[in-house]
Amino acid sequence: MNFKSTPWKASTGYTVGQEVLDSHFQVQMVITPGTSGGSAPTWSTSTAGTTNDGGTEWLNLGATTATTPDAWTKNHDYAVADFIEDSNQNIEVVTAKSGTGHSGPGPAPPSWSTSVGVTTIDGQLTWTNAGPATGALAAAGGTSGVIIDNIVETGVSGSQIYFSTLGNQTTCGTATSVGCAVQASQSALQ
């Protein structure tokens, strides 16, 4: 799953490509780096809409989803905020377009940047690398199970998801360790 659950923070420096989950459960990505304001902005609720926040500008990518993005397609019309998974297993987001917004003629995709926040020009599009498509990355050996703690306690920021890989368990700690649990906080689930 590739849910975004990082909350927005006041007076925080943000770089291009960083993402937060806004108060409407929509993903917002930094397109102009800077320091956020002292209080939460009034978020754009329109996909591809922008929000000014202190010295930072955010692009609304729409509702969070567990859907694996499509691959790049040549000569395709893309809109601002559309996203794909590139050949490096990174998410690329259209952050600007000219004309009709066609991708390049191919036959191969552009040479994607592997650095988060760096742009790639493709035909009439500017793509920004938003980071790894974590939901599409394999866990060596698979996973042994997933536990969702759907209880929010006082003083805890949100529900927790725990899973463990079936890979080499010997590097997980002491001899009394039963496995390597990985915890993912879902602070937006309250």
N, C-alpha and C. Protein backbone atom coordinates (compact mmCIF):
# COMPACT_ATOMS: atom_id res chain seq x y z
N MET A 1 0.84 -1.17 0.00
CA MET A 1 0.00 0.00 0.00
C MET A 1 0.88 1.23 0.00
N ASN A 2 0.41 2.29 -0.58
CA ASN A 2 1.20 3.49 -0.73
C ASN A 2 0.44 4.70 -0.20
N PHE A 3 -0.20 4.56 0.96
CA PHE A 3 -0.94 5.67 1.53
C PHE A 3 0.01 6.72 2.06
N LYS A 4 -0.32 7.98 1.86
CA LYS A 4 0.42 9.08 2.43
C LYS A 4 -0.26 9.44 3.74
N SER A 5 0.52 9.54 4.81
CA SER A 5 -0.09 9.87 6.10
C SER A 5 0.70 10.92 6.86
N THR A 6 1.65 11.57 6.22
CA THR A 6 2.47 12.56 6.89
C THR A 6 1.66 13.83 7.10
N PRO A 7 1.52 14.27 8.35
CA PRO A 7 0.75 15.49 8.60
C PRO A 7 1.55 16.75 8.27
N TRP A 8 0.86 17.83 7.97
CA TRP A 8 1.47 19.13 7.74
C TRP A 8 2.00 19.65 9.07
N LYS A 9 3.10 20.41 9.03
CA LYS A 9 3.67 21.01 10.25
C LYS A 9 3.89 22.50 10.04
N ALA A 10 3.61 23.27 11.08
CA ALA A 10 3.80 24.72 11.04
C ALA A 10 5.28 25.08 11.08
N SER A 11 5.62 26.20 10.44
CA SER A 11 6.97 26.77 10.48
C SER A 11 8.06 25.74 10.20
N THR A 12 7.83 24.94 9.16
CA THR A 12 8.74 23.85 8.80
C THR A 12 9.26 24.07 7.39
N GLY A 13 10.55 23.83 7.19
CA GLY A 13 11.14 23.93 5.86
C GLY A 13 10.76 22.71 5.03
N TYR A 14 10.20 22.94 3.85
CA TYR A 14 9.81 21.87 2.93
C TYR A 14 10.56 22.02 1.61
N THR A 15 10.91 20.88 0.99
CA THR A 15 11.59 20.87 -0.29
C THR A 15 10.66 20.32 -1.37
N VAL A 16 10.99 20.61 -2.63
CA VAL A 16 10.18 20.14 -3.76
C VAL A 16 10.04 18.62 -3.69
N GLY A 17 8.81 18.15 -3.88
CA GLY A 17 8.54 16.72 -3.89
C GLY A 17 8.03 16.17 -2.57
N GLN A 18 8.23 16.89 -1.46
CA GLN A 18 7.70 16.41 -0.19
C GLN A 18 6.18 16.44 -0.23
N GLU A 19 5.55 15.49 0.46
CA GLU A 19 4.10 15.37 0.45
C GLU A 19 3.54 15.31 1.86
N VAL A 20 2.34 15.85 2.03
CA VAL A 20 1.60 15.74 3.28
C VAL A 20 0.16 15.36 2.95
N LEU A 21 -0.52 14.85 3.95
CA LEU A 21 -1.94 14.57 3.84
C LEU A 21 -2.67 15.73 4.50
N ASP A 22 -3.52 16.43 3.73
CA ASP A 22 -4.18 17.62 4.28
C ASP A 22 -5.41 17.24 5.10
N SER A 23 -6.11 18.24 5.59
CA SER A 23 -7.28 18.02 6.45
C SER A 23 -8.49 17.47 5.68
N HIS A 24 -8.39 17.40 4.35
CA HIS A 24 -9.46 16.83 3.52
C HIS A 24 -9.08 15.43 3.03
N PHE A 25 -7.99 14.86 3.59
CA PHE A 25 -7.47 13.55 3.20
C PHE A 25 -7.05 13.52 1.74
N GLN A 26 -6.51 14.66 1.28
CA GLN A 26 -5.94 14.74 -0.06
C GLN A 26 -4.44 14.95 0.07
N VAL A 27 -3.70 14.42 -0.90
CA VAL A 27 -2.24 14.53 -0.88
C VAL A 27 -1.84 15.86 -1.48
N GLN A 28 -0.99 16.58 -0.77
CA GLN A 28 -0.46 17.86 -1.23
C GLN A 28 1.06 17.69 -1.40
N MET A 29 1.60 18.11 -2.56
CA MET A 29 3.03 18.00 -2.82
C MET A 29 3.65 19.38 -3.02
N VAL A 30 4.82 19.59 -2.44
CA VAL A 30 5.52 20.87 -2.57
C VAL A 30 6.00 21.05 -4.01
N ILE A 31 5.62 22.21 -4.61
CA ILE A 31 6.15 22.55 -5.93
C ILE A 31 7.04 23.79 -5.86
N THR A 32 6.91 24.58 -4.80
CA THR A 32 7.82 25.69 -4.54
C THR A 32 8.32 25.53 -3.11
N PRO A 33 9.64 25.31 -2.95
CA PRO A 33 10.15 25.07 -1.60
C PRO A 33 10.12 26.32 -0.74
N GLY A 34 10.08 26.10 0.57
CA GLY A 34 10.09 27.22 1.51
C GLY A 34 9.68 26.75 2.88
N THR A 35 9.40 27.70 3.73
CA THR A 35 8.98 27.41 5.10
C THR A 35 7.47 27.61 5.21
N SER A 36 6.80 26.63 5.79
CA SER A 36 5.34 26.70 5.94
C SER A 36 4.96 27.82 6.90
N GLY A 37 3.69 28.20 6.85
CA GLY A 37 3.19 29.26 7.71
C GLY A 37 3.03 28.81 9.15
N GLY A 38 2.61 29.72 10.00
CA GLY A 38 2.45 29.44 11.42
C GLY A 38 1.19 28.67 11.76
N SER A 39 0.23 28.64 10.84
CA SER A 39 -0.99 27.85 11.03
C SER A 39 -1.36 27.21 9.70
N ALA A 40 -2.14 26.15 9.78
CA ALA A 40 -2.50 25.40 8.57
C ALA A 40 -3.20 26.31 7.56
N PRO A 41 -2.82 26.18 6.29
CA PRO A 41 -3.47 27.00 5.25
C PRO A 41 -4.86 26.47 4.93
N THR A 42 -5.61 27.24 4.17
CA THR A 42 -6.87 26.76 3.62
C THR A 42 -6.51 26.01 2.35
N TRP A 43 -6.55 24.67 2.42
CA TRP A 43 -6.08 23.82 1.33
C TRP A 43 -7.00 23.88 0.12
N SER A 44 -6.41 23.89 -1.06
CA SER A 44 -7.19 23.74 -2.29
C SER A 44 -7.79 22.33 -2.27
N THR A 45 -9.06 22.22 -2.56
CA THR A 45 -9.71 20.90 -2.59
C THR A 45 -9.86 20.38 -4.01
N SER A 46 -9.34 21.12 -4.98
CA SER A 46 -9.42 20.70 -6.39
C SER A 46 -8.11 20.04 -6.80
N THR A 47 -8.20 18.86 -7.39
CA THR A 47 -7.01 18.21 -7.92
C THR A 47 -6.35 19.15 -8.92
N ALA A 48 -5.04 19.33 -8.79
CA ALA A 48 -4.21 20.24 -9.58
C ALA A 48 -4.30 21.68 -9.08
N GLY A 49 -5.11 21.93 -8.06
CA GLY A 49 -5.16 23.26 -7.46
C GLY A 49 -3.93 23.49 -6.60
N THR A 50 -3.58 24.76 -6.40
CA THR A 50 -2.41 25.07 -5.59
C THR A 50 -2.82 25.82 -4.33
N THR A 51 -1.96 25.71 -3.32
CA THR A 51 -2.16 26.39 -2.04
C THR A 51 -0.87 27.08 -1.66
N ASN A 52 -0.95 28.38 -1.36
CA ASN A 52 0.20 29.11 -0.83
C ASN A 52 0.18 28.98 0.68
N ASP A 53 1.36 28.70 1.23
CA ASP A 53 1.50 28.41 2.66
C ASP A 53 2.82 29.00 3.13
N GLY A 54 2.79 30.21 3.67
CA GLY A 54 4.04 30.86 4.04
C GLY A 54 4.87 31.04 2.78
N GLY A 55 6.09 30.50 2.76
CA GLY A 55 6.93 30.57 1.58
C GLY A 55 6.86 29.32 0.72
N THR A 56 5.93 28.42 1.02
CA THR A 56 5.80 27.15 0.31
C THR A 56 4.55 27.15 -0.56
N GLU A 57 4.64 26.51 -1.73
CA GLU A 57 3.45 26.33 -2.57
C GLU A 57 3.23 24.83 -2.74
N TRP A 58 1.98 24.41 -2.55
CA TRP A 58 1.59 23.00 -2.61
C TRP A 58 0.71 22.74 -3.84
N LEU A 59 0.83 21.55 -4.41
CA LEU A 59 0.00 21.11 -5.53
C LEU A 59 -0.88 19.97 -5.02
N ASN A 60 -2.19 20.09 -5.20
CA ASN A 60 -3.13 19.06 -4.76
C ASN A 60 -3.08 17.89 -5.74
N LEU A 61 -2.69 16.70 -5.24
CA LEU A 61 -2.63 15.50 -6.07
C LEU A 61 -3.89 14.65 -5.97
N GLY A 62 -4.86 15.10 -5.19
CA GLY A 62 -6.11 14.36 -5.05
C GLY A 62 -6.11 13.45 -3.83
N ALA A 63 -7.15 12.65 -3.74
CA ALA A 63 -7.32 11.76 -2.59
C ALA A 63 -6.23 10.70 -2.54
N THR A 64 -5.84 10.32 -1.33
CA THR A 64 -4.86 9.26 -1.16
C THR A 64 -5.43 7.95 -1.67
N THR A 65 -4.57 7.11 -2.22
CA THR A 65 -5.02 5.88 -2.84
C THR A 65 -3.99 4.77 -2.66
N ALA A 66 -4.44 3.55 -2.72
CA ALA A 66 -3.53 2.40 -2.67
C ALA A 66 -3.33 1.82 -4.06
N THR A 67 -3.81 2.51 -5.08
CA THR A 67 -3.70 2.04 -6.46
C THR A 67 -2.27 2.20 -6.96
N THR A 68 -1.75 1.17 -7.61
CA THR A 68 -0.44 1.26 -8.23
C THR A 68 -0.57 2.11 -9.49
N PRO A 69 0.27 3.15 -9.62
CA PRO A 69 0.17 4.03 -10.80
C PRO A 69 0.52 3.30 -12.09
N ASP A 70 -0.02 3.81 -13.19
CA ASP A 70 0.31 3.28 -14.50
C ASP A 70 1.73 3.66 -14.87
N ALA A 71 2.27 3.00 -15.88
CA ALA A 71 3.58 3.35 -16.43
C ALA A 71 3.40 4.50 -17.42
N TRP A 72 4.50 5.12 -17.80
CA TRP A 72 4.52 6.20 -18.77
C TRP A 72 4.03 5.70 -20.13
N THR A 73 3.32 6.56 -20.86
CA THR A 73 2.82 6.25 -22.20
C THR A 73 3.26 7.35 -23.15
N LYS A 74 3.80 6.97 -24.30
CA LYS A 74 4.25 7.97 -25.28
C LYS A 74 3.05 8.67 -25.92
N ASN A 75 3.25 9.92 -26.36
CA ASN A 75 2.22 10.72 -27.05
C ASN A 75 0.89 10.73 -26.31
N HIS A 76 0.94 10.77 -25.01
CA HIS A 76 -0.27 10.72 -24.19
C HIS A 76 -0.56 12.11 -23.61
N ASP A 77 -1.85 12.46 -23.53
CA ASP A 77 -2.25 13.71 -22.90
C ASP A 77 -2.30 13.51 -21.39
N TYR A 78 -1.49 14.25 -20.67
CA TYR A 78 -1.50 14.21 -19.21
C TYR A 78 -1.93 15.57 -18.69
N ALA A 79 -2.54 15.59 -17.53
CA ALA A 79 -2.94 16.83 -16.87
C ALA A 79 -2.01 17.09 -15.70
N VAL A 80 -1.94 18.36 -15.27
CA VAL A 80 -1.18 18.68 -14.06
C VAL A 80 -1.77 17.86 -12.92
N ALA A 81 -0.92 17.27 -12.11
CA ALA A 81 -1.22 16.41 -10.96
C ALA A 81 -1.40 14.94 -11.34
N ASP A 82 -1.39 14.60 -12.64
CA ASP A 82 -1.37 13.18 -13.01
C ASP A 82 -0.04 12.60 -12.57
N PHE A 83 -0.03 11.33 -12.25
CA PHE A 83 1.22 10.71 -11.84
C PHE A 83 1.36 9.31 -12.41
N ILE A 84 2.60 8.88 -12.56
CA ILE A 84 2.92 7.56 -13.10
C ILE A 84 4.05 6.97 -12.25
N GLU A 85 4.31 5.68 -12.45
CA GLU A 85 5.49 5.07 -11.86
C GLU A 85 6.53 4.96 -12.96
N ASP A 86 7.70 5.55 -12.74
CA ASP A 86 8.73 5.53 -13.78
C ASP A 86 9.52 4.22 -13.77
N SER A 87 10.45 4.09 -14.68
CA SER A 87 11.23 2.85 -14.82
C SER A 87 12.19 2.62 -13.66
N ASN A 88 12.35 3.61 -12.77
CA ASN A 88 13.20 3.47 -11.58
C ASN A 88 12.37 3.18 -10.33
N GLN A 89 11.08 2.89 -10.50
CA GLN A 89 10.13 2.65 -9.42
C GLN A 89 9.93 3.88 -8.53
N ASN A 90 10.01 5.07 -9.16
CA ASN A 90 9.69 6.31 -8.48
C ASN A 90 8.38 6.85 -9.02
N ILE A 91 7.69 7.64 -8.21
CA ILE A 91 6.48 8.31 -8.64
C ILE A 91 6.89 9.62 -9.31
N GLU A 92 6.39 9.86 -10.51
CA GLU A 92 6.62 11.11 -11.24
C GLU A 92 5.27 11.82 -11.36
N VAL A 93 5.25 13.10 -11.02
CA VAL A 93 4.01 13.90 -11.03
C VAL A 93 4.15 15.02 -12.04
N VAL A 94 3.11 15.22 -12.87
CA VAL A 94 3.12 16.35 -13.80
C VAL A 94 2.92 17.62 -12.99
N THR A 95 3.92 18.49 -13.01
CA THR A 95 3.83 19.74 -12.26
C THR A 95 3.68 20.95 -13.17
N ALA A 96 3.89 20.77 -14.46
CA ALA A 96 3.68 21.86 -15.43
C ALA A 96 3.51 21.25 -16.81
N LYS A 97 2.77 21.97 -17.66
CA LYS A 97 2.62 21.51 -19.04
C LYS A 97 2.45 22.72 -19.95
N SER A 98 2.76 22.52 -21.21
CA SER A 98 2.52 23.55 -22.21
C SER A 98 1.67 22.93 -23.30
N GLY A 99 1.03 23.76 -24.08
CA GLY A 99 0.19 23.24 -25.16
C GLY A 99 -0.87 22.28 -24.64
N THR A 100 -0.99 21.14 -25.32
CA THR A 100 -2.00 20.16 -24.93
C THR A 100 -1.52 19.20 -23.86
N GLY A 101 -0.24 19.27 -23.50
CA GLY A 101 0.26 18.41 -22.43
C GLY A 101 0.62 17.02 -22.88
N HIS A 102 1.12 16.88 -24.12
CA HIS A 102 1.51 15.57 -24.63
C HIS A 102 2.86 15.15 -24.06
N SER A 103 2.97 13.86 -23.75
CA SER A 103 4.28 13.30 -23.42
C SER A 103 5.07 13.17 -24.71
N GLY A 104 6.35 12.83 -24.58
CA GLY A 104 7.22 12.72 -25.74
C GLY A 104 6.82 11.61 -26.70
N PRO A 105 7.43 11.61 -27.91
CA PRO A 105 7.04 10.67 -28.95
C PRO A 105 7.58 9.25 -28.77
N GLY A 106 8.47 9.05 -27.79
CA GLY A 106 9.01 7.70 -27.58
C GLY A 106 10.05 7.37 -28.63
N PRO A 107 10.32 6.11 -28.88
CA PRO A 107 9.59 4.97 -28.34
C PRO A 107 9.87 4.71 -26.87
N ALA A 108 11.01 5.18 -26.38
CA ALA A 108 11.36 4.96 -24.97
C ALA A 108 10.94 6.17 -24.15
N PRO A 109 10.70 5.96 -22.84
CA PRO A 109 10.40 7.09 -21.96
C PRO A 109 11.63 7.98 -21.81
N PRO A 110 11.45 9.16 -21.23
CA PRO A 110 12.61 10.02 -21.01
C PRO A 110 13.56 9.39 -19.99
N SER A 111 14.73 9.96 -19.87
CA SER A 111 15.69 9.52 -18.86
C SER A 111 15.29 10.18 -17.54
N TRP A 112 14.62 9.42 -16.68
CA TRP A 112 14.06 9.96 -15.44
C TRP A 112 15.15 10.31 -14.43
N SER A 113 14.96 11.41 -13.73
CA SER A 113 15.85 11.74 -12.62
C SER A 113 15.58 10.76 -11.49
N THR A 114 16.62 10.36 -10.79
CA THR A 114 16.44 9.45 -9.65
C THR A 114 16.44 10.19 -8.33
N SER A 115 16.53 11.52 -8.37
CA SER A 115 16.55 12.33 -7.15
C SER A 115 15.18 12.95 -6.88
N VAL A 116 14.71 12.81 -5.66
CA VAL A 116 13.42 13.38 -5.26
C VAL A 116 13.45 14.89 -5.43
N GLY A 117 12.39 15.44 -6.02
CA GLY A 117 12.26 16.87 -6.20
C GLY A 117 12.86 17.41 -7.48
N VAL A 118 13.58 16.56 -8.22
CA VAL A 118 14.21 17.00 -9.47
C VAL A 118 13.25 16.75 -10.63
N THR A 119 13.24 17.66 -11.60
CA THR A 119 12.29 17.56 -12.70
C THR A 119 12.91 16.90 -13.93
N THR A 120 12.02 16.36 -14.77
CA THR A 120 12.38 15.77 -16.05
C THR A 120 11.45 16.38 -17.10
N ILE A 121 12.03 16.88 -18.19
CA ILE A 121 11.24 17.43 -19.29
C ILE A 121 10.92 16.29 -20.25
N ASP A 122 9.64 16.22 -20.65
CA ASP A 122 9.15 15.14 -21.51
C ASP A 122 8.12 15.72 -22.46
N GLY A 123 8.53 16.01 -23.69
CA GLY A 123 7.60 16.62 -24.64
C GLY A 123 7.11 17.95 -24.11
N GLN A 124 5.79 18.07 -23.90
CA GLN A 124 5.19 19.31 -23.39
C GLN A 124 4.97 19.27 -21.88
N LEU A 125 5.61 18.31 -21.20
CA LEU A 125 5.38 18.11 -19.77
C LEU A 125 6.63 18.32 -18.95
N THR A 126 6.41 18.76 -17.70
CA THR A 126 7.47 18.76 -16.70
C THR A 126 7.01 17.81 -15.60
N TRP A 127 7.79 16.75 -15.39
CA TRP A 127 7.51 15.78 -14.34
C TRP A 127 8.42 16.08 -13.15
N THR A 128 7.91 15.91 -11.93
CA THR A 128 8.73 16.05 -10.72
C THR A 128 8.76 14.72 -10.00
N ASN A 129 9.97 14.28 -9.65
CA ASN A 129 10.15 13.02 -8.93
C ASN A 129 9.64 13.20 -7.50
N ALA A 130 8.61 12.42 -7.14
CA ALA A 130 8.02 12.50 -5.80
C ALA A 130 8.53 11.41 -4.87
N GLY A 131 9.48 10.61 -5.33
CA GLY A 131 10.07 9.59 -4.47
C GLY A 131 9.62 8.18 -4.82
N PRO A 132 10.11 7.22 -4.06
CA PRO A 132 9.85 5.81 -4.36
C PRO A 132 8.37 5.44 -4.30
N ALA A 133 7.99 4.55 -5.19
CA ALA A 133 6.63 3.98 -5.17
C ALA A 133 6.66 2.83 -4.19
N THR A 134 6.68 3.15 -2.91
CA THR A 134 6.90 2.14 -1.87
C THR A 134 5.90 1.00 -1.93
N GLY A 135 4.69 1.27 -2.38
CA GLY A 135 3.71 0.21 -2.45
C GLY A 135 4.04 -0.80 -3.53
N ALA A 136 4.89 -0.45 -4.47
CA ALA A 136 5.22 -1.35 -5.56
C ALA A 136 6.55 -2.06 -5.35
N LEU A 137 7.25 -1.75 -4.24
CA LEU A 137 8.53 -2.38 -3.99
C LEU A 137 8.33 -3.70 -3.28
N ALA A 138 9.03 -4.70 -3.72
CA ALA A 138 8.91 -6.03 -3.11
C ALA A 138 9.64 -6.07 -1.79
N ALA A 139 9.10 -6.83 -0.84
CA ALA A 139 9.79 -7.12 0.40
C ALA A 139 10.49 -8.45 0.19
N ALA A 140 11.81 -8.48 0.38
CA ALA A 140 12.57 -9.70 0.13
C ALA A 140 11.94 -10.86 0.89
N GLY A 141 11.52 -11.88 0.19
CA GLY A 141 10.92 -13.05 0.82
C GLY A 141 9.45 -12.91 1.11
N GLY A 142 8.85 -11.74 0.83
CA GLY A 142 7.43 -11.54 1.11
C GLY A 142 7.22 -11.01 2.52
N THR A 143 5.99 -11.00 2.97
CA THR A 143 5.70 -10.57 4.34
C THR A 143 4.96 -11.67 5.06
N SER A 144 5.14 -11.69 6.37
CA SER A 144 4.52 -12.75 7.17
C SER A 144 3.11 -12.40 7.58
N GLY A 145 2.75 -11.15 7.50
CA GLY A 145 1.41 -10.74 7.89
C GLY A 145 1.35 -9.27 8.17
N VAL A 146 0.15 -8.75 8.24
CA VAL A 146 -0.06 -7.35 8.50
C VAL A 146 -1.08 -7.23 9.62
N ILE A 147 -0.79 -6.37 10.58
CA ILE A 147 -1.71 -6.11 11.69
C ILE A 147 -2.03 -4.63 11.67
N ILE A 148 -3.32 -4.29 11.66
CA ILE A 148 -3.73 -2.90 11.72
C ILE A 148 -4.35 -2.66 13.08
N ASP A 149 -3.72 -1.78 13.86
CA ASP A 149 -4.20 -1.40 15.18
C ASP A 149 -5.12 -0.21 14.96
N ASN A 150 -6.41 -0.45 14.88
CA ASN A 150 -7.36 0.60 14.55
C ASN A 150 -7.90 1.29 15.80
N ILE A 151 -7.06 1.40 16.80
CA ILE A 151 -7.46 2.04 18.05
C ILE A 151 -6.59 3.27 18.25
N VAL A 152 -7.21 4.41 18.50
CA VAL A 152 -6.46 5.62 18.77
C VAL A 152 -6.60 5.91 20.26
N GLU A 153 -5.45 5.91 20.95
CA GLU A 153 -5.45 6.15 22.38
C GLU A 153 -5.05 7.59 22.67
N THR A 154 -5.37 8.07 23.86
CA THR A 154 -4.98 9.41 24.26
C THR A 154 -3.46 9.53 24.20
N GLY A 155 -2.99 10.58 23.57
CA GLY A 155 -1.55 10.81 23.46
C GLY A 155 -0.90 10.12 22.28
N VAL A 156 -1.65 9.30 21.53
CA VAL A 156 -1.12 8.61 20.36
C VAL A 156 -1.67 9.32 19.13
N SER A 157 -0.82 9.56 18.15
CA SER A 157 -1.23 10.38 17.00
C SER A 157 -2.13 9.67 16.02
N GLY A 158 -2.24 8.37 16.05
CA GLY A 158 -3.09 7.68 15.10
C GLY A 158 -2.92 6.18 15.15
N SER A 159 -3.67 5.49 14.32
CA SER A 159 -3.59 4.05 14.24
C SER A 159 -2.22 3.63 13.73
N GLN A 160 -1.86 2.40 13.99
CA GLN A 160 -0.57 1.87 13.58
C GLN A 160 -0.77 0.63 12.71
N ILE A 161 0.12 0.46 11.75
CA ILE A 161 0.13 -0.74 10.92
C ILE A 161 1.49 -1.41 11.15
N TYR A 162 1.47 -2.71 11.44
CA TYR A 162 2.70 -3.45 11.68
C TYR A 162 2.80 -4.59 10.67
N PHE A 163 4.00 -4.84 10.15
CA PHE A 163 4.23 -6.00 9.31
C PHE A 163 5.66 -6.44 9.47
N SER A 164 5.94 -7.67 9.10
CA SER A 164 7.31 -8.15 9.15
C SER A 164 7.62 -8.88 7.86
N THR A 165 8.88 -8.76 7.44
CA THR A 165 9.30 -9.42 6.23
C THR A 165 9.65 -10.88 6.52
N LEU A 166 9.68 -11.68 5.47
CA LEU A 166 10.08 -13.08 5.62
C LEU A 166 11.54 -13.27 5.23
N GLY A 167 12.26 -12.16 5.07
CA GLY A 167 13.67 -12.24 4.70
C GLY A 167 14.51 -12.69 5.88
N ASN A 168 15.78 -12.38 5.87
CA ASN A 168 16.73 -12.80 6.89
C ASN A 168 16.37 -12.16 8.23
N GLN A 169 15.91 -12.96 9.16
CA GLN A 169 15.47 -12.48 10.47
C GLN A 169 16.63 -12.38 11.47
N THR A 170 17.83 -12.84 11.13
CA THR A 170 18.94 -12.87 12.08
C THR A 170 19.50 -11.49 12.37
N THR A 171 19.18 -10.51 11.56
CA THR A 171 19.72 -9.16 11.77
C THR A 171 18.74 -8.28 12.54
N CYS A 172 17.74 -8.88 13.17
CA CYS A 172 16.67 -8.10 13.79
C CYS A 172 16.88 -7.77 15.25
N GLY A 173 17.93 -8.17 15.84
CA GLY A 173 18.12 -7.82 17.24
C GLY A 173 18.67 -8.98 18.04
N THR A 174 18.13 -9.14 19.22
CA THR A 174 18.66 -10.14 20.14
C THR A 174 18.16 -11.54 19.83
N ALA A 175 18.73 -12.53 20.53
CA ALA A 175 18.34 -13.92 20.33
C ALA A 175 16.90 -14.17 20.77
N THR A 176 16.36 -13.28 21.61
CA THR A 176 14.98 -13.45 22.06
C THR A 176 13.97 -12.81 21.12
N SER A 177 14.49 -12.12 20.09
CA SER A 177 13.60 -11.48 19.12
C SER A 177 12.88 -12.53 18.30
N VAL A 178 11.59 -12.32 18.07
CA VAL A 178 10.79 -13.27 17.30
C VAL A 178 10.73 -12.86 15.83
N GLY A 179 11.06 -11.66 15.51
CA GLY A 179 10.99 -11.19 14.13
C GLY A 179 11.28 -9.71 14.04
N CYS A 180 11.21 -9.20 12.84
CA CYS A 180 11.48 -7.77 12.60
C CYS A 180 10.17 -7.08 12.27
N ALA A 181 9.51 -6.54 13.24
CA ALA A 181 8.27 -5.82 12.97
C ALA A 181 8.59 -4.43 12.46
N VAL A 182 7.91 -4.02 11.42
CA VAL A 182 8.03 -2.67 10.88
C VAL A 182 6.72 -1.96 11.21
N GLN A 183 6.83 -0.76 11.76
CA GLN A 183 5.65 -0.01 12.14
C GLN A 183 5.46 1.16 11.20
N ALA A 184 4.23 1.34 10.72
CA ALA A 184 3.88 2.49 9.89
C ALA A 184 2.74 3.23 10.55
N SER A 185 2.96 4.48 10.93
CA SER A 185 1.92 5.26 11.60
C SER A 185 0.93 5.81 10.58
N GLN A 186 -0.33 5.72 10.89
CA GLN A 186 -1.39 6.28 10.05
C GLN A 186 -2.09 7.37 10.85
N SER A 187 -1.38 8.48 11.05
CA SER A 187 -1.88 9.55 11.93
C SER A 187 -3.16 10.20 11.41
N ALA A 188 -3.45 10.05 10.14
CA ALA A 188 -4.67 10.66 9.60
C ALA A 188 -5.91 9.85 9.91
N LEU A 189 -5.73 8.61 10.37
CA LEU A 189 -6.89 7.77 10.71
C LEU A 189 -7.23 8.00 12.16
N GLN A 190 -8.26 8.73 12.43
CA GLN A 190 -8.62 9.02 13.82
C GLN A 190 -10.09 8.79 14.06
